[in-house]
Amino acid sequence: MGGNPEDIDKAKQEPSRTQGKVREELKASFEKLRAFTEAAGSDPSKYGDGQFEELMKPIQDWMEKNCQ
């Protein structure tokens, strides 16, 4: 992510945009991600501490397992 303002804006919008479309087993992960992006706001330092990546991991793991 690197703190690029455009990337941060995209990261903030994505969980809310896609949450209603995800499978039941991912809803909790998306809710945590949405809460993080809302709390982080536009502060680029929040996206550089590994927390965003940690919250994305269950979603990415599920996608790798189920979307090939």
C-alpha atoms as a PDB file:
ATOM      1  CA  MET A   1       0.000   0.000   0.000  1.00  0.00           C
ATOM      2  CA  GLY A   2       2.782   2.440   0.851  1.00  0.00           C
ATOM      3  CA  GLY A   3       0.628   5.360   1.972  1.00  0.00           C
ATOM      4  CA  ASN A   4      -0.343   6.530  -1.508  1.00  0.00           C
ATOM      5  CA  PRO A   5      -3.515   8.637  -0.991  1.00  0.00           C
ATOM      6  CA  GLU A   6      -5.256   7.038  -3.983  1.00  0.00           C
ATOM      7  CA  ASP A   7      -4.508   3.550  -2.637  1.00  0.00           C
ATOM      8  CA  ILE A   8      -5.779   4.550   0.796  1.00  0.00           C
ATOM      9  CA  ASP A   9      -9.034   5.874  -0.639  1.00  0.00           C
ATOM     10  CA  LYS A  10      -9.499   2.661  -2.599  1.00  0.00           C
ATOM     11  CA  ALA A  11      -8.767   0.547   0.484  1.00  0.00           C
ATOM     12  CA  LYS A  12     -11.309   2.518   2.509  1.00  0.00           C
ATOM     13  CA  GLN A  13     -14.074   2.064  -0.053  1.00  0.00           C
ATOM     14  CA  GLU A  14     -13.555  -1.570  -1.010  1.00  0.00           C
ATOM     15  CA  PRO A  15     -14.803  -3.366   2.151  1.00  0.00           C
ATOM     16  CA  SER A  16     -18.062  -1.420   2.252  1.00  0.00           C
ATOM     17  CA  ARG A  17     -18.572  -1.822  -1.489  1.00  0.00           C
ATOM     18  CA  THR A  18     -18.093  -5.585  -1.503  1.00  0.00           C
ATOM     19  CA  GLN A  19     -19.296  -6.655   1.944  1.00  0.00           C
ATOM     20  CA  GLY A  20     -22.835  -7.421   0.802  1.00  0.00           C
ATOM     21  CA  LYS A  21     -21.529  -9.641  -1.995  1.00  0.00           C
ATOM     22  CA  VAL A  22     -19.253 -11.932   0.005  1.00  0.00           C
ATOM     23  CA  ARG A  23     -19.929 -15.436   1.245  1.00  0.00           C
ATOM     24  CA  GLU A  24     -21.085 -15.917   4.805  1.00  0.00           C
ATOM     25  CA  GLU A  25     -17.731 -17.319   5.960  1.00  0.00           C
ATOM     26  CA  LEU A  26     -15.980 -14.078   4.951  1.00  0.00           C
ATOM     27  CA  LYS A  27     -18.443 -11.570   6.397  1.00  0.00           C
ATOM     28  CA  ALA A  28     -16.662 -11.293   9.763  1.00  0.00           C
ATOM     29  CA  SER A  29     -13.323 -10.696   8.017  1.00  0.00           C
ATOM     30  CA  PHE A  30     -14.849  -8.011   5.816  1.00  0.00           C
ATOM     31  CA  GLU A  31     -16.467  -6.341   8.828  1.00  0.00           C
ATOM     32  CA  LYS A  32     -13.106  -6.184  10.633  1.00  0.00           C
ATOM     33  CA  LEU A  33     -11.466  -4.794   7.501  1.00  0.00           C
ATOM     34  CA  ARG A  34     -14.230  -2.209   7.041  1.00  0.00           C
ATOM     35  CA  ALA A  35     -13.931  -1.110  10.683  1.00  0.00           C
ATOM     36  CA  PHE A  36     -10.164  -0.776  10.307  1.00  0.00           C
ATOM     37  CA  THR A  37     -10.343   1.320   7.146  1.00  0.00           C
ATOM     38  CA  GLU A  38     -12.980   3.605   8.657  1.00  0.00           C
ATOM     39  CA  ALA A  39     -10.948   4.072  11.849  1.00  0.00           C
ATOM     40  CA  ALA A  40      -7.700   4.621   9.936  1.00  0.00           C
ATOM     41  CA  GLY A  41      -9.242   7.296   7.755  1.00  0.00           C
ATOM     42  CA  SER A  42      -6.664   8.934   5.527  1.00  0.00           C
ATOM     43  CA  ASP A  43      -3.740   8.377   7.906  1.00  0.00           C
ATOM     44  CA  PRO A  44      -1.147   6.592   5.743  1.00  0.00           C
ATOM     45  CA  SER A  45       0.814   5.445   8.805  1.00  0.00           C
ATOM     46  CA  LYS A  46      -2.085   3.155   9.770  1.00  0.00           C
ATOM     47  CA  TYR A  47      -1.614   1.190   6.551  1.00  0.00           C
ATOM     48  CA  GLY A  48       2.102   0.657   6.969  1.00  0.00           C
ATOM     49  CA  ASP A  49       2.186  -1.230  10.253  1.00  0.00           C
ATOM     50  CA  GLY A  50       1.065  -4.620   8.915  1.00  0.00           C
ATOM     51  CA  GLN A  51      -2.395  -4.536  10.452  1.00  0.00           C
ATOM     52  CA  PHE A  52      -4.142  -4.005   7.096  1.00  0.00           C
ATOM     53  CA  GLU A  53      -2.259  -6.927   5.572  1.00  0.00           C
ATOM     54  CA  GLU A  54      -3.117  -9.106   8.587  1.00  0.00           C
ATOM     55  CA  LEU A  55      -6.813  -8.305   8.182  1.00  0.00           C
ATOM     56  CA  MET A  56      -6.631  -9.049   4.461  1.00  0.00           C
ATOM     57  CA  LYS A  57      -4.964 -12.448   4.937  1.00  0.00           C
ATOM     58  CA  PRO A  58      -8.117 -14.538   5.620  1.00  0.00           C
ATOM     59  CA  ILE A  59      -9.801 -12.955   2.610  1.00  0.00           C
ATOM     60  CA  GLN A  60      -6.816 -13.559   0.356  1.00  0.00           C
ATOM     61  CA  ASP A  61      -6.421 -17.125   1.632  1.00  0.00           C
ATOM     62  CA  TRP A  62     -10.080 -17.857   0.906  1.00  0.00           C
ATOM     63  CA  MET A  63      -9.799 -16.356  -2.571  1.00  0.00           C
ATOM     64  CA  GLU A  64      -6.698 -18.401  -3.376  1.00  0.00           C
ATOM     65  CA  LYS A  65      -8.450 -21.569  -2.223  1.00  0.00           C
ATOM     66  CA  ASN A  66     -11.827 -20.952  -3.892  1.00  0.00           C
ATOM     67  CA  CYS A  67     -11.297 -18.707  -6.898  1.00  0.00           C
ATOM     68  CA  GLN A  68      -8.899 -20.613  -9.100  1.00  0.00           C
END
